[in-house]
Amino acid sequence: MALPDHIDTSLRFADARSSLTEWGPQLADEYYNATISYFDRLTDEVWIFGVKPDDGPVSFVPGTYASLGLGYWEPRCDDALEADIDDKWAKLVRRSYSVSTPMFTSDDWATVDHGIDDLARCDDLDDIEIYAVLVRPEDDFVPGLTPRLACKDVGDRLFMGRKMAGRYTAADITDPTTPLVFLSTGTGEAPNIAMTIELLRKGHTGPIVSVVTARHWSDLVYVDKNRALERRFANYTYLPIPTREPDVEKRYIQDVVRTDFTPDKLGLELDPANVHVFVCGNPDMIGLPDESGETPVYPEKTGIVEMLVERGFKLDKRRDPGNIHFEEFW
């Protein structure tokens, strides 16, 4: 995308900033192709927002992700500054976000069961839903996108890549009786929700268990809708776990996998003969092995993958199908 000829990108950011009142809108016109259609700030750091592309309806495969971007010239909610901002200030900072779903289409979803037709769809949508958390600077790491998103609101413009990507989907689940387990931390819940809604909408009858951890109850933003989903579908179980609430036992997903996947607790056993597991979120929770050598080397901190492999599960790879599914853009 060509920039306006008169914008001198060789200027230092400190010098260019004084002219961004003029240049900002022109840069935005060049790069931005979508609008924020709604912006729900659940907390200061946790948001759900809609992104509406300029060129018409959008469809996606549940579980896939889209690229969002804002200009480095945009203001931040903090005082941090990228070390190489002088080389980047007229460019976009981009990040991939798994596409979530509002789950229901009616406004009275909490009290009225309208049936399967009320479940959100993933085709011909005016906008897509994104679940995001503010990432703060830490040590030498300066996040670029979410501190700028924090300054945005309904009607503001941004970049959205129209091509959805990713292998983290339920496309291989062709038997509607297959037991499914979704494990996620934080915003990793987004693609799992999208897949769950699509599976139930298409008539999946096998047990579906979703385990989600976050720091606080306020960070578990889809609890009420998941409870409504449980009331509608007897084969769906939702287990939200806050890890930093004083009145809740501190447990992690590894603890749940180790002790709770039994018929009396969650309705199924983790049997590699018939169960598929989907994991998304914190890389430490997932615990992918280093496979550059002859034998896999797992992280020092035990993750879900190692625990499942010890039980007989197998990683799902491009040319070697398995029953542990994970998102590869982490």
Protein backbone atom coordinates (compact mmCIF):
# COMPACT_ATOMS: atom_id res chain seq x y z
CA MET A 1 0.00 0.00 0.00
CA ALA A 2 1.51 3.28 -1.09
CA LEU A 3 1.75 6.16 1.36
CA PRO A 4 1.02 9.77 0.40
CA ASP A 5 4.10 11.17 -1.35
CA HIS A 6 4.54 14.11 1.00
CA ILE A 7 4.80 11.99 4.17
CA ASP A 8 8.48 11.85 5.08
CA THR A 9 8.99 8.52 6.83
CA SER A 10 12.66 9.33 7.46
CA LEU A 11 11.66 11.76 10.21
CA ARG A 12 12.24 10.69 13.79
CA PHE A 13 9.01 9.81 15.56
CA ALA A 14 9.52 12.69 17.98
CA ASP A 15 9.62 15.11 15.03
CA ALA A 16 6.81 13.41 13.12
CA ARG A 17 4.48 13.32 16.11
CA SER A 18 3.87 17.06 15.91
CA SER A 19 2.47 16.58 12.40
CA LEU A 20 0.39 13.47 13.08
CA THR A 21 -2.77 15.56 13.39
CA GLU A 22 -2.44 16.02 9.64
CA TRP A 23 -0.78 12.73 8.69
CA GLY A 24 -2.70 10.37 10.97
CA PRO A 25 -5.99 10.50 8.99
CA GLN A 26 -4.13 10.08 5.70
CA LEU A 27 -2.20 7.10 6.99
CA ALA A 28 -5.43 5.63 8.33
CA ASP A 29 -7.13 6.09 4.96
CA GLU A 30 -4.29 4.20 3.30
CA TYR A 31 -4.17 1.27 5.70
CA TYR A 32 -7.50 0.85 7.49
CA ASN A 33 -10.33 -1.20 6.00
CA ALA A 34 -12.65 -1.95 8.92
CA THR A 35 -14.59 -0.27 11.72
CA ILE A 36 -15.15 -1.14 15.38
CA SER A 37 -18.90 -1.87 15.53
CA TYR A 38 -19.21 -2.43 19.29
CA PHE A 39 -16.77 -2.28 22.18
CA ASP A 40 -17.69 -3.86 25.51
CA ARG A 41 -15.11 -3.11 28.20
CA LEU A 42 -15.74 -5.87 30.73
CA THR A 43 -12.87 -4.52 32.86
CA ASP A 44 -10.10 -2.01 32.20
CA GLU A 45 -8.06 -4.84 30.69
CA VAL A 46 -10.59 -7.27 29.21
CA TRP A 47 -12.69 -6.40 26.17
CA ILE A 48 -15.07 -7.91 23.64
CA PHE A 49 -15.45 -5.91 20.45
CA GLY A 50 -16.82 -6.26 16.96
CA VAL A 51 -14.93 -5.56 13.74
CA LYS A 52 -16.91 -4.76 10.59
CA PRO A 53 -14.98 -4.92 7.28
CA ASP A 54 -15.63 -2.29 4.63
CA ASP A 55 -16.12 -4.73 1.77
CA GLY A 56 -19.16 -6.62 2.96
CA PRO A 57 -20.11 -9.74 4.93
CA VAL A 58 -17.44 -12.05 6.31
CA SER A 59 -17.46 -15.80 6.94
CA PHE A 60 -15.00 -17.90 8.92
CA VAL A 61 -14.30 -21.47 9.93
CA PRO A 62 -14.75 -21.73 13.72
CA GLY A 63 -11.35 -21.91 15.39
CA THR A 64 -9.46 -19.87 12.79
CA TYR A 65 -7.91 -16.46 13.35
CA ALA A 66 -7.80 -13.05 11.72
CA SER A 67 -5.11 -10.39 11.63
CA LEU A 68 -5.89 -6.99 13.17
CA GLY A 69 -3.70 -3.92 13.02
CA LEU A 70 -3.27 -0.29 14.05
CA GLY A 71 -0.68 2.24 13.04
CA TYR A 72 2.37 2.81 15.20
CA TRP A 73 1.44 6.48 14.88
CA GLU A 74 -1.66 5.88 17.02
CA PRO A 75 -1.64 6.94 20.70
CA ARG A 76 -1.05 4.38 23.46
CA CYS A 77 -2.68 4.04 26.86
CA ASP A 78 0.73 3.92 28.53
CA ASP A 79 4.04 5.78 28.37
CA ALA A 80 5.96 2.92 26.77
CA LEU A 81 7.61 3.34 23.39
CA GLU A 82 9.00 0.74 21.03
CA ALA A 83 12.78 0.89 20.78
CA ASP A 84 12.68 1.02 16.97
CA ILE A 85 9.71 3.40 16.69
CA ASP A 86 11.66 5.76 14.40
CA ASP A 87 11.69 3.05 11.74
CA LYS A 88 8.10 1.94 12.31
CA TRP A 89 5.98 4.97 13.11
CA ALA A 90 4.29 5.10 9.66
CA LYS A 91 3.66 1.32 9.55
CA LEU A 92 1.12 -1.06 11.08
CA VAL A 93 1.52 -3.18 14.17
CA ARG A 94 -0.45 -6.40 13.61
CA ARG A 95 -1.47 -9.36 15.70
CA SER A 96 -3.47 -12.51 15.07
CA TYR A 97 -6.68 -13.00 17.07
CA SER A 98 -8.80 -16.12 17.09
CA VAL A 99 -12.33 -15.20 16.11
CA SER A 100 -14.89 -15.60 18.88
CA THR A 101 -18.68 -15.55 18.67
CA PRO A 102 -21.48 -13.81 20.56
CA MET A 103 -22.92 -17.35 21.01
CA PHE A 104 -26.59 -16.32 20.74
CA THR A 105 -28.44 -14.11 18.27
CA SER A 106 -31.39 -13.05 20.46
CA ASP A 107 -31.31 -10.36 23.15
CA ASP A 108 -33.29 -12.50 25.60
CA TRP A 109 -30.95 -15.52 25.45
CA ALA A 110 -30.63 -15.59 29.26
CA THR A 111 -34.33 -16.30 29.85
CA VAL A 112 -35.79 -17.73 26.65
CA ASP A 113 -34.67 -20.85 24.78
CA HIS A 114 -35.29 -20.20 21.10
CA GLY A 115 -33.69 -23.49 20.07
CA ILE A 116 -30.80 -24.19 17.76
CA ASP A 117 -31.75 -21.36 15.43
CA ASP A 118 -30.73 -18.94 18.18
CA LEU A 119 -27.11 -20.12 18.13
CA ALA A 120 -24.73 -17.75 16.37
CA ARG A 121 -23.56 -18.59 12.87
CA CYS A 122 -20.16 -18.10 11.28
CA ASP A 123 -21.16 -17.20 7.73
CA ASP A 124 -22.36 -13.98 6.05
CA LEU A 125 -21.71 -11.89 9.15
CA ASP A 126 -21.70 -8.11 9.25
CA ASP A 127 -18.90 -8.24 11.79
CA ILE A 128 -16.71 -10.67 13.72
CA GLU A 129 -16.26 -10.76 17.49
CA ILE A 130 -12.84 -10.45 19.11
CA TYR A 131 -11.97 -11.23 22.73
CA ALA A 132 -8.85 -9.34 23.79
CA VAL A 133 -6.84 -8.58 26.92
CA LEU A 134 -4.61 -5.57 27.45
CA VAL A 135 -0.95 -6.63 27.40
CA ARG A 136 1.26 -4.40 29.50
CA PRO A 137 5.00 -3.71 29.01
CA GLU A 138 7.26 -6.07 30.91
CA ASP A 139 11.06 -5.96 31.16
CA ASP A 140 12.32 -5.47 27.57
CA PHE A 141 9.00 -6.42 25.99
CA VAL A 142 6.83 -3.55 24.72
CA PRO A 143 3.51 -4.76 23.25
CA GLY A 144 2.37 -2.78 20.24
CA LEU A 145 -1.29 -3.44 19.53
CA THR A 146 -3.43 -3.75 22.67
CA PRO A 147 -2.15 -0.52 24.32
CA ARG A 148 -3.35 1.25 21.17
CA LEU A 149 -6.63 -0.69 21.04
CA ALA A 150 -7.24 0.50 24.59
CA CYS A 151 -7.66 4.04 23.24
CA LYS A 152 -10.29 3.02 20.67
CA ASP A 153 -14.08 2.96 20.75
CA VAL A 154 -17.13 2.34 18.57
CA GLY A 155 -16.76 3.91 15.13
CA ASP A 156 -12.96 3.98 15.17
CA ARG A 157 -11.05 2.51 12.27
CA LEU A 158 -8.45 -0.28 12.09
CA PHE A 159 -6.94 -2.85 9.73
CA MET A 160 -8.44 -6.32 9.37
CA GLY A 161 -6.96 -9.06 7.22
CA ARG A 162 -9.79 -10.66 5.29
CA LYS A 163 -8.14 -14.07 4.99
CA MET A 164 -8.88 -16.24 8.03
CA ALA A 165 -6.20 -18.82 8.72
CA GLY A 166 -5.29 -21.70 11.02
CA ARG A 167 -5.58 -25.47 11.42
CA TYR A 168 -7.11 -25.27 14.88
CA THR A 169 -10.60 -26.32 13.84
CA ALA A 170 -13.03 -29.17 14.44
CA ALA A 171 -13.08 -30.05 10.75
CA ASP A 172 -11.84 -33.58 11.45
CA ILE A 173 -14.71 -34.32 13.87
CA THR A 174 -17.12 -36.08 11.55
CA ASP A 175 -18.76 -38.44 14.08
CA PRO A 176 -21.36 -36.43 16.04
CA THR A 177 -21.01 -38.79 19.03
CA THR A 178 -17.28 -38.10 19.54
CA PRO A 179 -16.44 -36.94 23.10
CA LEU A 180 -14.70 -33.54 22.95
CA VAL A 181 -12.66 -31.65 25.53
CA PHE A 182 -11.80 -27.95 25.14
CA LEU A 183 -9.10 -26.53 27.41
CA SER A 184 -8.20 -22.85 27.42
CA THR A 185 -6.68 -20.00 29.35
CA GLY A 186 -7.82 -16.39 29.00
CA THR A 187 -8.56 -15.34 25.43
CA GLY A 188 -7.80 -18.89 24.28
CA GLU A 189 -11.47 -19.50 25.05
CA ALA A 190 -12.49 -17.55 21.92
CA PRO A 191 -11.88 -20.24 19.26
CA ASN A 192 -13.17 -22.98 21.57
CA ILE A 193 -16.47 -21.13 21.96
CA ALA A 194 -16.77 -20.70 18.21
CA MET A 195 -16.20 -24.41 17.61
CA THR A 196 -18.57 -25.45 20.40
CA ILE A 197 -21.42 -23.30 19.10
CA GLU A 198 -20.97 -24.58 15.55
CA LEU A 199 -20.86 -28.22 16.71
CA LEU A 200 -24.03 -27.89 18.79
CA ARG A 201 -25.80 -25.97 16.05
CA LYS A 202 -25.05 -28.82 13.64
CA GLY A 203 -26.34 -31.48 16.02
CA HIS A 204 -23.32 -32.84 17.89
CA THR A 205 -24.63 -35.26 20.52
CA GLY A 206 -21.43 -36.52 22.13
CA PRO A 207 -20.26 -34.99 25.42
CA ILE A 208 -18.50 -31.61 25.15
CA VAL A 209 -16.54 -30.36 28.16
CA SER A 210 -15.01 -26.88 28.26
CA VAL A 211 -12.51 -25.97 30.99
CA VAL A 212 -11.37 -22.33 31.16
CA THR A 213 -9.00 -20.62 33.57
CA ALA A 214 -8.41 -16.92 34.11
CA ARG A 215 -7.13 -14.80 36.98
CA HIS A 216 -10.49 -13.50 38.25
CA TRP A 217 -14.21 -14.10 37.77
CA SER A 218 -14.38 -10.77 35.93
CA ASP A 219 -11.90 -12.12 33.37
CA LEU A 220 -14.19 -15.07 32.55
CA VAL A 221 -16.35 -13.03 30.24
CA TYR A 222 -18.58 -15.74 28.74
CA VAL A 223 -19.69 -17.45 31.98
CA ASP A 224 -23.38 -16.44 31.84
CA LYS A 225 -23.76 -17.43 28.21
CA ASN A 226 -22.03 -20.75 28.83
CA ARG A 227 -24.41 -21.44 31.71
CA ALA A 228 -27.32 -20.75 29.36
CA LEU A 229 -25.76 -23.16 26.87
CA GLU A 230 -25.52 -25.83 29.60
CA ARG A 231 -29.23 -25.42 30.36
CA ARG A 232 -30.10 -25.96 26.71
CA PHE A 233 -27.78 -28.88 25.94
CA ALA A 234 -27.46 -31.80 28.35
CA ASN A 235 -24.26 -32.95 26.62
CA TYR A 236 -22.42 -29.69 27.35
CA THR A 237 -20.41 -29.04 30.54
CA TYR A 238 -18.65 -25.77 31.36
CA LEU A 239 -16.02 -25.47 34.10
CA PRO A 240 -14.70 -21.93 34.66
CA ILE A 241 -11.80 -21.66 37.14
CA PRO A 242 -10.47 -18.35 38.47
CA THR A 243 -6.92 -18.78 39.79
CA ARG A 244 -6.55 -15.65 41.91
CA GLU A 245 -9.80 -15.36 43.82
CA PRO A 246 -9.46 -15.61 47.62
CA ASP A 247 -12.51 -17.83 48.09
CA VAL A 248 -11.67 -20.29 45.29
CA GLU A 249 -9.17 -23.13 45.49
CA LYS A 250 -6.19 -22.31 43.29
CA ARG A 251 -6.20 -24.88 40.54
CA TYR A 252 -4.85 -25.00 37.02
CA ILE A 253 -6.00 -26.91 33.97
CA GLN A 254 -3.29 -29.49 34.58
CA ASP A 255 -4.90 -30.22 37.95
CA VAL A 256 -8.30 -30.73 36.32
CA VAL A 257 -6.88 -33.08 33.70
CA ARG A 258 -5.02 -35.01 36.37
CA THR A 259 -7.97 -35.59 38.71
CA ASP A 260 -11.35 -34.60 37.31
CA PHE A 261 -11.92 -36.26 33.97
CA THR A 262 -13.99 -39.12 35.27
CA PRO A 263 -17.62 -40.02 34.51
CA ASP A 264 -18.81 -38.98 37.97
CA LYS A 265 -17.17 -35.51 37.82
CA LEU A 266 -17.28 -34.33 34.20
CA GLY A 267 -19.19 -37.04 32.42
CA LEU A 268 -16.32 -38.68 30.56
CA GLU A 269 -12.90 -40.24 30.92
CA LEU A 270 -9.89 -39.08 28.96
CA ASP A 271 -9.77 -42.15 26.76
CA PRO A 272 -7.39 -41.73 23.78
CA ALA A 273 -9.40 -44.34 21.89
CA ASN A 274 -12.29 -41.95 21.28
CA VAL A 275 -11.72 -38.48 22.85
CA HIS A 276 -10.37 -35.42 21.01
CA VAL A 277 -8.78 -32.63 23.05
CA PHE A 278 -8.43 -29.00 21.92
CA VAL A 279 -6.00 -26.74 23.80
CA CYS A 280 -5.52 -23.00 23.31
CA GLY A 281 -3.98 -20.27 25.42
CA ASN A 282 -0.87 -19.90 27.53
CA PRO A 283 2.05 -21.77 25.88
CA ASP A 284 3.15 -22.99 29.34
CA MET A 285 -0.25 -24.61 29.80
CA ILE A 286 -0.04 -26.28 26.39
CA GLY A 287 3.60 -27.39 26.81
CA LEU A 288 4.54 -28.31 23.27
CA PRO A 289 7.76 -30.36 23.05
CA ASP A 290 10.93 -29.44 21.20
CA GLU A 291 11.07 -32.03 18.42
CA SER A 292 14.26 -30.91 16.73
CA GLY A 293 16.15 -33.96 18.00
CA GLU A 294 15.51 -37.68 17.85
CA THR A 295 13.18 -37.65 20.86
CA PRO A 296 10.75 -34.93 22.00
CA VAL A 297 11.95 -32.72 24.85
CA TYR A 298 9.14 -31.31 26.97
CA PRO A 299 9.32 -28.04 28.92
CA GLU A 300 10.50 -28.18 32.52
CA LYS A 301 7.01 -27.21 33.67
CA THR A 302 4.61 -30.03 32.81
CA GLY A 303 2.00 -28.98 30.27
CA ILE A 304 -1.17 -30.54 28.96
CA VAL A 305 0.46 -32.11 25.91
CA GLU A 306 2.95 -34.12 27.96
CA MET A 307 0.21 -35.29 30.32
CA LEU A 308 -1.99 -36.41 27.44
CA VAL A 309 0.81 -38.12 25.51
CA GLU A 310 1.61 -40.13 28.63
CA ARG A 311 -2.02 -41.29 28.55
CA GLY A 312 -1.76 -42.43 24.94
CA PHE A 313 -2.93 -39.31 23.09
CA LYS A 314 -1.13 -38.02 20.01
CA LEU A 315 -0.38 -34.52 18.70
CA ASP A 316 -2.28 -33.57 15.58
CA LYS A 317 0.16 -32.49 12.86
CA ARG A 318 -0.23 -31.47 9.25
CA ARG A 319 0.80 -34.82 7.79
CA ASP A 320 0.30 -36.94 10.87
CA PRO A 321 -3.24 -36.71 12.32
CA GLY A 322 -3.75 -37.01 16.06
CA ASN A 323 -6.28 -36.23 18.77
CA ILE A 324 -4.50 -33.33 20.57
CA HIS A 325 -5.33 -30.19 18.64
CA PHE A 326 -3.50 -26.91 19.29
CA GLU A 327 -3.24 -23.44 17.78
CA GLU A 328 0.01 -22.97 15.88
CA PHE A 329 0.29 -19.17 15.88
CA TRP A 330 1.26 -19.11 19.57
